[in-house]
Protein backbone atom coordinates (compact mmCIF):
# COMPACT_ATOMS: atom_id res chain seq x y z
CA MET A 1 35.03 83.15 -41.65
CA SER A 2 38.34 82.51 -39.91
CA SER A 3 40.11 79.17 -40.35
CA ALA A 4 39.89 78.59 -36.58
CA LYS A 5 36.09 78.97 -36.55
CA SER A 6 35.80 76.80 -39.64
CA GLY A 7 37.88 74.08 -37.98
CA ARG A 8 35.80 74.24 -34.82
CA ARG A 9 32.52 73.94 -36.70
CA ALA A 10 33.83 70.95 -38.63
CA PHE A 11 34.89 69.39 -35.33
CA VAL A 12 31.45 69.92 -33.83
CA LYS A 13 29.70 68.43 -36.86
CA TRP A 14 31.95 65.39 -36.61
CA GLY A 15 31.14 65.09 -32.92
CA LEU A 16 27.39 65.25 -33.62
CA ALA A 17 27.63 62.69 -36.38
CA SER A 18 29.62 60.40 -34.10
CA ALA A 19 27.43 60.87 -31.01
CA GLY A 20 26.68 57.16 -30.89
CA ALA A 21 30.36 56.19 -31.04
CA PRO A 22 32.27 55.59 -27.83
CA LEU A 23 34.94 58.22 -28.33
CA VAL A 24 34.79 61.41 -30.33
CA ALA A 25 38.01 63.39 -30.34
CA ASP A 26 41.41 63.48 -28.68
CA ALA A 27 42.58 66.79 -27.24
CA LEU A 28 46.27 66.11 -26.78
CA GLY A 29 47.58 62.66 -27.59
CA GLY A 30 47.18 59.38 -25.73
CA LEU A 31 45.79 58.40 -22.38
CA ALA A 32 47.64 58.09 -19.09
CA LEU A 33 46.22 56.20 -16.13
CA ALA A 34 46.62 57.45 -12.56
CA ARG A 35 48.06 55.22 -9.87
CA PRO A 36 46.09 54.50 -6.69
CA GLU A 37 47.42 55.39 -3.28
CA PRO A 38 46.67 53.64 0.04
CA VAL A 39 44.06 54.98 2.42
CA ASP A 40 43.29 54.52 6.10
CA ALA A 41 40.94 51.81 7.34
CA PRO A 42 37.27 52.42 6.49
CA ALA A 43 35.21 54.36 9.02
CA ALA A 44 32.13 52.93 10.70
CA LYS A 45 28.91 53.34 8.76
CA THR A 46 25.25 53.07 9.61
CA ALA A 47 23.07 50.88 7.40
CA ASP A 48 19.71 52.08 6.14
CA PRO A 49 18.02 48.86 4.98
CA GLU A 50 14.64 50.51 4.33
CA ARG A 51 16.06 52.70 1.58
CA GLY A 52 18.93 50.42 0.62
CA GLY A 53 21.57 52.99 1.53
CA ALA A 54 23.93 53.85 4.37
CA THR A 55 25.22 56.90 6.20
CA VAL A 56 28.89 57.43 7.00
CA SER A 57 30.29 59.95 9.47
CA LEU A 58 33.18 62.05 8.21
CA ALA A 59 35.75 63.75 10.45
CA SER A 60 34.51 67.15 9.30
CA GLY A 61 31.19 66.59 11.08
CA ILE A 62 29.33 65.65 7.90
CA GLN A 63 26.87 62.78 7.83
CA LEU A 64 27.05 61.55 4.24
CA TYR A 65 24.27 59.35 2.89
CA TYR A 66 25.06 57.14 -0.09
CA LYS A 67 24.06 54.06 -2.01
CA GLU A 68 26.47 51.36 -3.14
CA GLU A 69 25.55 48.98 -5.95
CA TRP A 70 27.21 45.94 -7.49
CA LEU A 71 25.05 43.87 -9.86
CA GLY A 72 27.80 41.64 -11.21
CA ALA A 73 28.52 38.05 -10.26
CA PRO A 74 28.67 37.75 -6.44
CA TRP A 75 32.09 36.09 -6.57
CA LEU A 76 33.54 39.05 -8.48
CA ASP A 77 34.07 42.70 -7.63
CA GLY A 78 34.04 45.77 -9.84
CA GLU A 79 36.32 48.76 -9.99
CA PRO A 80 34.81 51.63 -7.97
CA VAL A 81 32.91 54.47 -9.61
CA ILE A 82 31.91 57.66 -7.77
CA LEU A 83 28.86 59.46 -9.20
CA LEU A 84 28.49 63.14 -8.20
CA HIS A 85 25.11 64.78 -8.75
CA GLY A 86 24.46 68.42 -9.56
CA ASN A 87 22.73 71.28 -7.82
CA ILE A 88 19.12 71.15 -6.50
CA GLU A 89 19.11 67.32 -6.63
CA ASN A 90 20.51 64.17 -5.02
CA HIS A 91 21.90 60.70 -5.75
CA SER A 92 18.64 59.53 -7.38
CA ILE A 93 19.39 61.34 -10.65
CA TRP A 94 21.71 58.48 -11.64
CA TYR A 95 18.84 55.99 -11.90
CA GLY A 96 19.44 55.58 -15.64
CA TRP A 97 23.10 54.67 -15.10
CA VAL A 98 22.97 52.06 -12.35
CA PRO A 99 21.36 49.05 -14.11
CA ARG A 100 24.10 48.82 -16.74
CA MET A 101 27.07 50.38 -14.98
CA ALA A 102 26.71 48.35 -11.79
CA GLN A 103 26.98 45.12 -13.76
CA GLN A 104 30.63 45.93 -14.45
CA PHE A 105 31.61 48.51 -11.81
CA ARG A 106 30.94 48.99 -8.10
CA VAL A 107 28.89 52.17 -8.05
CA PHE A 108 28.84 54.68 -5.19
CA ARG A 109 26.17 57.42 -5.27
CA PRO A 110 26.53 59.88 -2.40
CA ASP A 111 24.24 62.76 -1.54
CA LEU A 112 26.68 65.67 -1.41
CA PRO A 113 26.81 67.69 1.86
CA GLY A 114 23.58 69.61 2.40
CA PHE A 115 21.76 67.67 -0.33
CA GLY A 116 19.24 64.87 0.01
CA ARG A 117 19.80 62.96 3.24
CA SER A 118 23.35 64.26 3.84
CA THR A 119 24.06 67.02 6.33
CA ALA A 120 26.46 69.96 6.25
CA PRO A 121 27.65 71.70 9.45
CA ARG A 122 26.82 75.36 9.99
CA ASP A 123 30.40 76.37 9.23
CA PHE A 124 30.61 74.30 6.04
CA GLU A 125 32.81 75.93 3.40
CA TRP A 126 30.85 76.14 0.16
CA THR A 127 33.75 75.96 -2.29
CA LEU A 128 34.79 73.53 -5.01
CA PRO A 129 38.07 72.63 -3.22
CA ASN A 130 36.15 71.78 -0.05
CA PHE A 131 33.64 69.64 -1.93
CA ALA A 132 36.58 67.82 -3.54
CA LYS A 133 38.03 67.23 -0.08
CA VAL A 134 34.69 65.80 1.08
CA VAL A 135 34.75 63.36 -1.85
CA ALA A 136 38.26 62.28 -0.85
CA ASN A 137 37.16 61.85 2.77
CA PHE A 138 34.16 59.83 1.63
CA MET A 139 36.42 57.54 -0.39
CA ASP A 140 38.60 57.06 2.69
CA ALA A 141 35.53 56.22 4.75
CA VAL A 142 34.30 53.51 2.38
CA GLY A 143 37.80 52.13 1.72
CA VAL A 144 38.26 53.27 -1.88
CA ALA A 145 41.85 54.22 -2.76
CA SER A 146 41.06 55.43 -6.28
CA ALA A 147 38.01 55.48 -8.50
CA HIS A 148 36.49 56.44 -11.79
CA VAL A 149 34.90 59.81 -11.04
CA ILE A 150 31.80 60.99 -12.90
CA GLY A 151 30.02 64.28 -12.31
CA ALA A 152 26.90 65.96 -13.72
CA LYS A 153 26.50 69.76 -13.88
CA THR A 154 27.76 71.15 -10.53
CA GLY A 155 28.95 67.62 -9.76
CA GLY A 156 31.03 67.84 -12.94
CA ALA A 157 32.77 70.98 -11.69
CA ILE A 158 33.44 69.22 -8.37
CA ALA A 159 34.74 66.18 -10.26
CA MET A 160 37.19 68.32 -12.25
CA GLN A 161 38.36 70.01 -9.06
CA PHE A 162 38.83 66.57 -7.46
CA ALA A 163 40.78 65.19 -10.42
CA ALA A 164 43.12 68.20 -10.40
CA THR A 165 43.63 68.06 -6.63
CA TYR A 166 43.85 64.26 -6.22
CA PRO A 167 45.32 62.92 -9.47
CA GLN A 168 46.51 59.69 -7.85
CA ARG A 169 42.98 58.88 -6.76
CA THR A 170 41.32 59.49 -10.14
CA ARG A 171 41.38 56.54 -12.55
CA THR A 172 39.29 58.25 -15.20
CA LEU A 173 37.12 61.36 -15.24
CA ALA A 174 33.80 61.94 -17.01
CA VAL A 175 32.02 65.31 -16.96
CA ALA A 176 28.41 65.57 -18.15
CA SER A 177 27.42 69.22 -18.71
CA GLY A 178 29.81 70.43 -16.03
CA PRO A 179 30.52 74.19 -16.18
CA PHE A 180 34.13 75.33 -16.33
CA SER A 181 33.47 78.83 -15.03
CA SER A 182 30.87 80.83 -13.12
CA VAL A 183 27.22 80.10 -13.79
CA PRO A 184 24.99 83.15 -14.37
CA ALA A 185 22.75 84.14 -11.50
CA GLY A 186 19.25 82.75 -11.88
CA THR A 187 20.33 79.51 -13.55
CA ASP A 188 18.62 77.58 -10.75
CA ASP A 189 15.36 79.22 -11.84
CA ASN A 190 15.46 77.64 -15.28
CA SER A 191 12.41 75.50 -15.95
CA MET A 192 12.68 71.72 -15.89
CA LYS A 193 11.83 71.78 -19.59
CA VAL A 194 15.06 73.71 -20.19
CA ARG A 195 17.05 71.43 -17.90
CA LEU A 196 15.63 68.10 -19.03
CA GLY A 197 14.78 68.95 -22.63
CA SER A 198 11.62 68.93 -24.70
CA ALA A 199 11.29 65.15 -24.46
CA ALA A 200 10.81 65.24 -20.67
CA THR A 201 7.40 64.02 -19.50
CA THR A 202 5.10 65.89 -17.12
CA GLU A 203 5.73 63.28 -14.43
CA GLU A 204 9.50 63.55 -14.82
CA MET A 205 9.46 67.34 -14.55
CA ALA A 206 7.19 67.15 -11.49
CA TYR A 207 9.63 64.74 -9.83
CA PHE A 208 12.55 67.10 -10.36
CA ASP A 209 10.50 70.12 -9.32
CA LYS A 210 9.71 68.34 -6.04
CA MET A 211 13.42 67.58 -5.56
CA LYS A 212 14.20 71.26 -6.12
CA SER A 213 11.54 72.43 -3.66
CA ASP A 214 12.96 70.08 -1.01
CA MET A 215 16.40 71.70 -1.21
CA ARG A 216 17.49 73.37 2.01
CA PRO A 217 17.70 77.18 1.79
CA GLU A 218 21.23 77.26 3.23
CA THR A 219 22.37 74.71 0.63
CA GLN A 220 20.82 76.67 -2.21
CA GLN A 221 22.43 79.87 -0.95
CA GLY A 222 25.84 78.26 -0.41
CA THR A 223 26.04 76.46 -3.74
CA GLY A 224 24.58 79.46 -5.56
CA LYS A 225 27.36 81.66 -4.25
CA MET A 226 29.97 79.00 -5.08
CA MET A 227 28.79 78.53 -8.66
CA SER A 228 28.63 82.26 -9.34
CA ASN A 229 32.26 82.84 -8.39
CA PHE A 230 34.69 80.25 -9.72
CA ASN A 231 36.88 79.48 -12.70
CA LEU A 232 38.55 76.11 -13.28
CA GLU A 233 40.66 77.19 -16.26
CA ALA A 234 43.96 77.29 -14.35
CA LEU A 235 43.32 73.81 -12.90
CA LEU A 236 42.48 72.02 -16.14
CA PRO A 237 46.12 71.36 -17.21
CA ARG A 238 46.61 69.60 -13.86
CA ILE A 239 44.04 66.93 -14.65
CA SER A 240 46.14 63.92 -15.63
CA ALA A 241 43.43 61.26 -15.74
CA PRO A 242 41.88 60.23 -19.06
CA THR A 243 38.86 62.51 -19.36
CA LEU A 244 35.62 62.41 -21.33
CA VAL A 245 33.69 65.70 -21.51
CA ILE A 246 30.04 65.41 -22.58
CA THR A 247 27.79 68.25 -23.67
CA SER A 248 24.76 68.79 -25.90
CA ASP A 249 24.52 70.78 -29.10
CA ARG A 250 21.66 72.99 -27.83
CA SER A 251 22.53 73.32 -24.15
CA ALA A 252 21.16 76.40 -22.40
CA LEU A 253 23.89 76.08 -19.77
CA GLN A 254 26.89 76.55 -22.06
CA SER A 255 27.40 76.48 -25.80
CA VAL A 256 29.59 73.99 -27.63
CA GLU A 257 31.90 76.90 -28.51
CA THR A 258 32.29 77.62 -24.78
CA VAL A 259 33.14 74.00 -24.04
CA LEU A 260 35.67 74.04 -26.87
CA ARG A 261 37.48 76.94 -25.19
CA TYR A 262 38.11 74.84 -22.09
CA GLN A 263 38.05 71.12 -22.86
CA PRO A 264 41.29 71.04 -24.91
CA LYS A 265 43.14 72.45 -21.89
CA ILE A 266 42.65 69.06 -20.17
CA PRO A 267 45.68 67.11 -21.44
CA HIS A 268 44.17 63.66 -22.12
CA SER A 269 40.59 64.59 -22.86
CA ARG A 270 37.96 63.89 -25.47
CA LEU A 271 34.74 65.70 -26.25
CA LEU A 272 31.40 64.08 -26.97
CA VAL A 273 28.61 66.31 -28.32
CA LEU A 274 25.14 64.78 -28.08
CA ALA A 275 22.19 65.90 -30.19
CA SER A 276 19.90 67.20 -27.45
CA ASP A 277 18.14 70.35 -26.27
CA ALA A 278 18.65 69.35 -22.62
CA TYR A 279 21.59 70.50 -20.57
CA HIS A 280 21.14 67.79 -17.95
CA VAL A 281 22.35 65.10 -20.35
CA ALA A 282 23.17 62.67 -17.52
CA VAL A 283 19.39 62.32 -17.11
CA ALA A 284 17.95 63.23 -20.50
CA ASN A 285 20.50 61.20 -22.49
CA ALA A 286 21.41 58.64 -19.84
CA ASN A 287 21.64 55.67 -22.18
CA GLU A 288 23.96 57.44 -24.64
CA CYS A 289 26.07 58.74 -21.76
CA VAL A 290 26.45 55.32 -20.13
CA THR A 291 27.34 53.65 -23.43
CA ASN A 292 30.07 56.17 -24.18
CA VAL A 293 31.43 56.51 -20.65
CA MET A 294 31.77 52.76 -20.12
CA ALA A 295 33.46 52.34 -23.50
CA PHE A 296 35.82 55.17 -22.59
CA MET A 297 36.66 53.58 -19.24
CA ARG A 298 37.35 50.20 -20.84
CA GLU A 299 39.65 51.77 -23.45
CA ALA A 300 41.53 53.76 -20.83
CA LYS A 301 42.19 50.58 -18.89
CA GLN A 302 43.77 48.96 -21.93
CA VAL A 303 46.30 51.74 -22.53
């Protein structure tokens, strides 16, 4: 066995043993916080009191639905957090994060273009750079200069693209099972048991199956093509925000060894390996993820 492989395996074992700890491993030295930049005045938005959300119109012709939550003291305000969901789903997948996170941070959960209650124009460009631009436009619309950006699965790839493209607008970055390169064709056909893990209940899997069946064909086609033809490797060194990468030890999406080929290329990053057979850890391991991400965000602020 080579010394490199031996070192990697030792690193992984340490990560698994420390899965309950806030921070697992530094990639390259200390943390560096990004500086916010001013934005234009917020755009008009339409309230949706029945569902507790709102829809904002972006200049690109997109109607973006989102929910905003702040559960802290009413005389205080929290730093903004943007939560980006993955493929074949919508903002609701963050249900396990909101109760705790919104007590300390102002949480924004958009439905990405073409997903959930958000629309995408016929000429929408299904690429990671364009999705990152939409996130920036959304932040402009709701008056957020910079935010903590958190993405799950496809949302994690979008979050990394955003952080590399808009470093001044990214306070911290957290990626939960986000792929760094093309996803094999047919990944969307994986069963919910593979996605959510063996601990998922029948009701939970049925809920996510229904969400998948509700996905628009043009969205599925567009995102499928996007995710089968990209590689973020060249962008990773451009991510300057403190970054926490989260994966599971038995993920069917990408192995720990695969993550270890990419994560160290992000300058100020750490890797957290959770003991789980789910690859949608943002849902299956929500409590562990929230505990570690919030601790990471607090530490980054103190540097």
